């Protein structure tokens, strides 16, 4: 990673970065949804709390996965002909509060990650990196100068898994 200006993407936010910037988010059960377009030198990251908003409005935001996908496409000015050039990352969706042996179908993180993967596939993106689930948080970092991304695990306190 290069030395650059860090942009911390908080819960419900969507941010876009260019060369000289680093996008980063710390995630538990939330989803980090990133779109990387190295050919154009533009990168986006959303920090999604929930899966679906229930509305299809044009407001920019990342609280819900469906809203975040629309927002990333809009903020990055992506057209359908560019989708094949986009690398998507879906990160997070961990079990941060329930016992480690909880049925994954009952966990908000599982629901969030499934929704994010489906939304990205439905958009037509096929180059998708997925790092979801488990019992540990994650920090996702996108270096907008090099186009590289990194996902680091953050251990959940009191859980040895």
C-alpha atoms as a PDB file:
ATOM      1  CA  UNK A   1       0.000   0.000   0.000  1.00  0.00           C
ATOM      2  CA  UNK A   2       1.189   3.486  -0.785  1.00  0.00           C
ATOM      3  CA  UNK A   3       1.233   6.519   1.495  1.00  0.00           C
ATOM      4  CA  UNK A   4      -1.971   8.360   0.719  1.00  0.00           C
ATOM      5  CA  UNK A   5      -4.892  10.254   2.200  1.00  0.00           C
ATOM      6  CA  UNK A   6      -7.152   7.829   4.118  1.00  0.00           C
ATOM      7  CA  UNK A   7     -10.907   8.052   3.695  1.00  0.00           C
ATOM      8  CA  UNK A   8     -12.755   6.151   6.439  1.00  0.00           C
ATOM      9  CA  UNK A   9     -16.108   4.890   5.197  1.00  0.00           C
ATOM     10  CA  UNK A  10     -18.510   4.859   8.143  1.00  0.00           C
ATOM     11  CA  UNK A  11     -21.766   2.901   8.509  1.00  0.00           C
ATOM     12  CA  UNK A  12     -24.261   3.948   5.857  1.00  0.00           C
ATOM     13  CA  UNK A  13     -21.731   5.884   3.795  1.00  0.00           C
ATOM     14  CA  UNK A  14     -20.573   5.477   0.205  1.00  0.00           C
ATOM     15  CA  UNK A  15     -17.266   7.049  -0.797  1.00  0.00           C
ATOM     16  CA  UNK A  16     -15.366   7.253  -4.069  1.00  0.00           C
ATOM     17  CA  UNK A  17     -11.588   7.552  -4.300  1.00  0.00           C
ATOM     18  CA  UNK A  18      -8.936   8.270  -6.896  1.00  0.00           C
ATOM     19  CA  UNK A  19      -5.149   8.170  -7.054  1.00  0.00           C
ATOM     20  CA  UNK A  20      -3.556   9.424  -3.838  1.00  0.00           C
ATOM     21  CA  UNK A  21      -6.417   8.164  -1.666  1.00  0.00           C
ATOM     22  CA  UNK A  22      -7.124   5.033   0.347  1.00  0.00           C
ATOM     23  CA  UNK A  23     -10.666   3.898   1.118  1.00  0.00           C
ATOM     24  CA  UNK A  24     -11.072   1.875   4.306  1.00  0.00           C
ATOM     25  CA  UNK A  25     -13.836   0.453   6.509  1.00  0.00           C
ATOM     26  CA  UNK A  26     -13.971  -1.665   9.643  1.00  0.00           C
ATOM     27  CA  UNK A  27     -16.704  -4.289   9.440  1.00  0.00           C
ATOM     28  CA  UNK A  28     -18.445  -6.790  11.672  1.00  0.00           C
ATOM     29  CA  UNK A  29     -21.817  -8.055  10.473  1.00  0.00           C
ATOM     30  CA  UNK A  30     -22.002  -5.074   8.106  1.00  0.00           C
ATOM     31  CA  UNK A  31     -20.948  -5.500   4.488  1.00  0.00           C
ATOM     32  CA  UNK A  32     -18.168  -3.637   2.753  1.00  0.00           C
ATOM     33  CA  UNK A  33     -19.130  -3.428  -0.907  1.00  0.00           C
ATOM     34  CA  UNK A  34     -16.356  -2.226  -3.188  1.00  0.00           C
ATOM     35  CA  UNK A  35     -16.235  -1.519  -6.913  1.00  0.00           C
ATOM     36  CA  UNK A  36     -12.769  -1.215  -8.458  1.00  0.00           C
ATOM     37  CA  UNK A  37     -12.274   0.227 -11.944  1.00  0.00           C
ATOM     38  CA  UNK A  38      -8.479   0.448 -12.350  1.00  0.00           C
ATOM     39  CA  UNK A  39      -8.665   1.317 -16.068  1.00  0.00           C
ATOM     40  CA  UNK A  40     -10.465   4.563 -15.202  1.00  0.00           C
ATOM     41  CA  UNK A  41      -8.653   5.036 -11.895  1.00  0.00           C
ATOM     42  CA  UNK A  42     -11.858   5.243  -9.871  1.00  0.00           C
ATOM     43  CA  UNK A  43     -12.812   3.138  -6.875  1.00  0.00           C
ATOM     44  CA  UNK A  44     -15.816   3.034  -4.562  1.00  0.00           C
ATOM     45  CA  UNK A  45     -16.609   1.578  -1.151  1.00  0.00           C
ATOM     46  CA  UNK A  46     -19.926   1.350   0.691  1.00  0.00           C
ATOM     47  CA  UNK A  47     -20.445   0.331   4.333  1.00  0.00           C
ATOM     48  CA  UNK A  48     -23.834  -1.418   4.419  1.00  0.00           C
ATOM     49  CA  UNK A  49     -25.767  -2.061   7.632  1.00  0.00           C
ATOM     50  CA  UNK A  50     -28.734  -3.953   6.166  1.00  0.00           C
ATOM     51  CA  UNK A  51     -29.652  -5.841   3.023  1.00  0.00           C
ATOM     52  CA  UNK A  52     -32.679  -4.187   1.409  1.00  0.00           C
ATOM     53  CA  UNK A  53     -34.231  -0.741   1.718  1.00  0.00           C
ATOM     54  CA  UNK A  54     -37.622  -1.675   0.310  1.00  0.00           C
ATOM     55  CA  UNK A  55     -37.572   1.369  -1.976  1.00  0.00           C
ATOM     56  CA  UNK A  56     -35.817   2.116  -5.241  1.00  0.00           C
ATOM     57  CA  UNK A  57     -35.067   5.809  -4.858  1.00  0.00           C
ATOM     58  CA  UNK A  58     -32.061   7.657  -6.244  1.00  0.00           C
ATOM     59  CA  UNK A  59     -30.689   9.021  -2.964  1.00  0.00           C
ATOM     60  CA  UNK A  60     -26.984   8.387  -2.455  1.00  0.00           C
ATOM     61  CA  UNK A  61     -26.260   6.199   0.541  1.00  0.00           C
ATOM     62  CA  UNK A  62     -24.938   2.902   1.752  1.00  0.00           C
ATOM     63  CA  UNK A  63     -27.177   1.955   4.656  1.00  0.00           C
ATOM     64  CA  UNK A  64     -28.738  -0.828   2.567  1.00  0.00           C
ATOM     65  CA  UNK A  65     -26.983  -3.054   0.028  1.00  0.00           C
ATOM     66  CA  UNK A  66     -29.460  -2.299  -2.774  1.00  0.00           C
ATOM     67  CA  UNK A  67     -29.094   1.459  -2.251  1.00  0.00           C
ATOM     68  CA  UNK A  68     -25.285   1.114  -2.102  1.00  0.00           C
ATOM     69  CA  UNK A  69     -25.123  -0.663  -5.469  1.00  0.00           C
ATOM     70  CA  UNK A  70     -27.189   2.087  -7.123  1.00  0.00           C
ATOM     71  CA  UNK A  71     -25.071   4.744  -5.397  1.00  0.00           C
ATOM     72  CA  UNK A  72     -21.743   3.234  -6.470  1.00  0.00           C
ATOM     73  CA  UNK A  73     -22.916   3.003 -10.086  1.00  0.00           C
ATOM     74  CA  UNK A  74     -24.068   6.640  -9.963  1.00  0.00           C
ATOM     75  CA  UNK A  75     -21.061   8.137  -8.135  1.00  0.00           C
ATOM     76  CA  UNK A  76     -18.586   6.253 -10.322  1.00  0.00           C
ATOM     77  CA  UNK A  77     -20.596   7.122 -13.471  1.00  0.00           C
ATOM     78  CA  UNK A  78     -20.607   3.491 -14.593  1.00  0.00           C
ATOM     79  CA  UNK A  79     -22.456   2.375 -17.678  1.00  0.00           C
ATOM     80  CA  UNK A  80     -23.462  -1.221 -18.447  1.00  0.00           C
ATOM     81  CA  UNK A  81     -20.710  -1.505 -21.062  1.00  0.00           C
ATOM     82  CA  UNK A  82     -18.121  -0.972 -18.279  1.00  0.00           C
ATOM     83  CA  UNK A  83     -19.388  -3.660 -15.895  1.00  0.00           C
ATOM     84  CA  UNK A  84     -17.043  -6.285 -17.345  1.00  0.00           C
ATOM     85  CA  UNK A  85     -14.108  -4.063 -16.284  1.00  0.00           C
ATOM     86  CA  UNK A  86     -15.239  -3.785 -12.660  1.00  0.00           C
ATOM     87  CA  UNK A  87     -13.860  -5.945  -9.869  1.00  0.00           C
ATOM     88  CA  UNK A  88     -16.336  -6.165  -7.015  1.00  0.00           C
ATOM     89  CA  UNK A  89     -15.475  -7.028  -3.433  1.00  0.00           C
ATOM     90  CA  UNK A  90     -17.975  -8.247  -0.858  1.00  0.00           C
ATOM     91  CA  UNK A  91     -16.454  -8.299   2.632  1.00  0.00           C
ATOM     92  CA  UNK A  92     -17.796  -8.666   6.177  1.00  0.00           C
ATOM     93  CA  UNK A  93     -21.023 -10.324   7.270  1.00  0.00           C
ATOM     94  CA  UNK A  94     -19.472 -11.887  10.360  1.00  0.00           C
ATOM     95  CA  UNK A  95     -21.261 -13.226  13.422  1.00  0.00           C
ATOM     96  CA  UNK A  96     -20.199 -10.649  15.987  1.00  0.00           C
ATOM     97  CA  UNK A  97     -22.801 -11.083  18.751  1.00  0.00           C
ATOM     98  CA  UNK A  98     -24.409 -14.532  18.718  1.00  0.00           C
ATOM     99  CA  UNK A  99     -22.783 -17.760  19.953  1.00  0.00           C
ATOM    100  CA  UNK A 100     -20.303 -19.083  17.373  1.00  0.00           C
ATOM    101  CA  UNK A 101     -22.415 -22.215  16.737  1.00  0.00           C
ATOM    102  CA  UNK A 102     -25.579 -20.241  15.834  1.00  0.00           C
ATOM    103  CA  UNK A 103     -27.308 -21.399  12.639  1.00  0.00           C
ATOM    104  CA  UNK A 104     -25.896 -19.054   9.961  1.00  0.00           C
ATOM    105  CA  UNK A 105     -29.370 -18.611   8.416  1.00  0.00           C
ATOM    106  CA  UNK A 106     -30.388 -16.703  11.574  1.00  0.00           C
ATOM    107  CA  UNK A 107     -27.537 -14.202  11.375  1.00  0.00           C
ATOM    108  CA  UNK A 108     -27.870 -10.703   9.941  1.00  0.00           C
ATOM    109  CA  UNK A 109     -24.349 -10.978   8.523  1.00  0.00           C
ATOM    110  CA  UNK A 110     -25.302 -14.036   6.479  1.00  0.00           C
ATOM    111  CA  UNK A 111     -28.397 -12.279   5.156  1.00  0.00           C
ATOM    112  CA  UNK A 112     -26.349  -9.160   4.340  1.00  0.00           C
ATOM    113  CA  UNK A 113     -23.602 -11.054   2.520  1.00  0.00           C
ATOM    114  CA  UNK A 114     -26.066 -13.123   0.482  1.00  0.00           C
ATOM    115  CA  UNK A 115     -27.934  -9.985  -0.518  1.00  0.00           C
ATOM    116  CA  UNK A 116     -24.716  -8.211  -1.513  1.00  0.00           C
ATOM    117  CA  UNK A 117     -23.468 -11.087  -3.648  1.00  0.00           C
ATOM    118  CA  UNK A 118     -26.856 -11.401  -5.372  1.00  0.00           C
ATOM    119  CA  UNK A 119     -27.067  -7.637  -6.017  1.00  0.00           C
ATOM    120  CA  UNK A 120     -23.614  -7.583  -7.602  1.00  0.00           C
ATOM    121  CA  UNK A 121     -24.395 -10.636  -9.770  1.00  0.00           C
ATOM    122  CA  UNK A 122     -27.785  -9.173 -10.763  1.00  0.00           C
ATOM    123  CA  UNK A 123     -25.992  -6.024 -11.929  1.00  0.00           C
ATOM    124  CA  UNK A 124     -23.961  -8.211 -14.264  1.00  0.00           C
ATOM    125  CA  UNK A 125     -20.604  -8.106 -12.490  1.00  0.00           C
ATOM    126  CA  UNK A 126     -18.753 -11.408 -12.643  1.00  0.00           C
ATOM    127  CA  UNK A 127     -15.298 -10.623 -11.210  1.00  0.00           C
ATOM    128  CA  UNK A 128     -16.215 -10.815  -7.530  1.00  0.00           C
ATOM    129  CA  UNK A 129     -13.947 -11.339  -4.517  1.00  0.00           C
ATOM    130  CA  UNK A 130     -15.892 -12.623  -1.500  1.00  0.00           C
ATOM    131  CA  UNK A 131     -14.568 -12.735   2.085  1.00  0.00           C
ATOM    132  CA  UNK A 132     -17.613 -13.096   4.351  1.00  0.00           C
ATOM    133  CA  UNK A 133     -18.947 -14.930   7.389  1.00  0.00           C
ATOM    134  CA  UNK A 134     -17.111 -16.444  10.298  1.00  0.00           C
ATOM    135  CA  UNK A 135     -16.810 -14.913  13.755  1.00  0.00           C
ATOM    136  CA  UNK A 136     -14.143 -12.284  13.165  1.00  0.00           C
ATOM    137  CA  UNK A 137     -14.479  -8.715  11.972  1.00  0.00           C
ATOM    138  CA  UNK A 138     -12.546  -7.375   9.023  1.00  0.00           C
ATOM    139  CA  UNK A 139     -10.871  -4.232   7.826  1.00  0.00           C
ATOM    140  CA  UNK A 140     -11.034  -3.647   4.087  1.00  0.00           C
ATOM    141  CA  UNK A 141      -8.616  -1.225   2.464  1.00  0.00           C
ATOM    142  CA  UNK A 142      -8.582  -0.121  -1.181  1.00  0.00           C
ATOM    143  CA  UNK A 143      -5.462   1.657  -2.438  1.00  0.00           C
ATOM    144  CA  UNK A 144      -6.781   3.930  -5.179  1.00  0.00           C
ATOM    145  CA  UNK A 145      -3.273   4.592  -6.515  1.00  0.00           C
ATOM    146  CA  UNK A 146      -2.286   0.977  -7.149  1.00  0.00           C
ATOM    147  CA  UNK A 147      -5.768  -0.519  -7.516  1.00  0.00           C
ATOM    148  CA  UNK A 148      -4.933  -3.144  -4.898  1.00  0.00           C
ATOM    149  CA  UNK A 149      -7.142  -4.084  -1.972  1.00  0.00           C
ATOM    150  CA  UNK A 150      -6.477  -5.858   1.295  1.00  0.00           C
ATOM    151  CA  UNK A 151      -8.738  -7.587   3.808  1.00  0.00           C
ATOM    152  CA  UNK A 152      -7.410  -8.059   7.342  1.00  0.00           C
ATOM    153  CA  UNK A 153      -9.153 -10.052  10.067  1.00  0.00           C
ATOM    154  CA  UNK A 154      -9.996  -8.460  13.404  1.00  0.00           C
ATOM    155  CA  UNK A 155     -10.440 -11.107  16.128  1.00  0.00           C
ATOM    156  CA  UNK A 156     -13.743 -11.208  18.001  1.00  0.00           C
ATOM    157  CA  UNK A 157     -13.115 -10.851  21.714  1.00  0.00           C
ATOM    158  CA  UNK A 158     -13.686 -14.023  23.695  1.00  0.00           C
ATOM    159  CA  UNK A 159     -13.878 -16.321  20.671  1.00  0.00           C
ATOM    160  CA  UNK A 160     -11.081 -18.663  19.648  1.00  0.00           C
ATOM    161  CA  UNK A 161     -12.110 -19.659  16.140  1.00  0.00           C
END
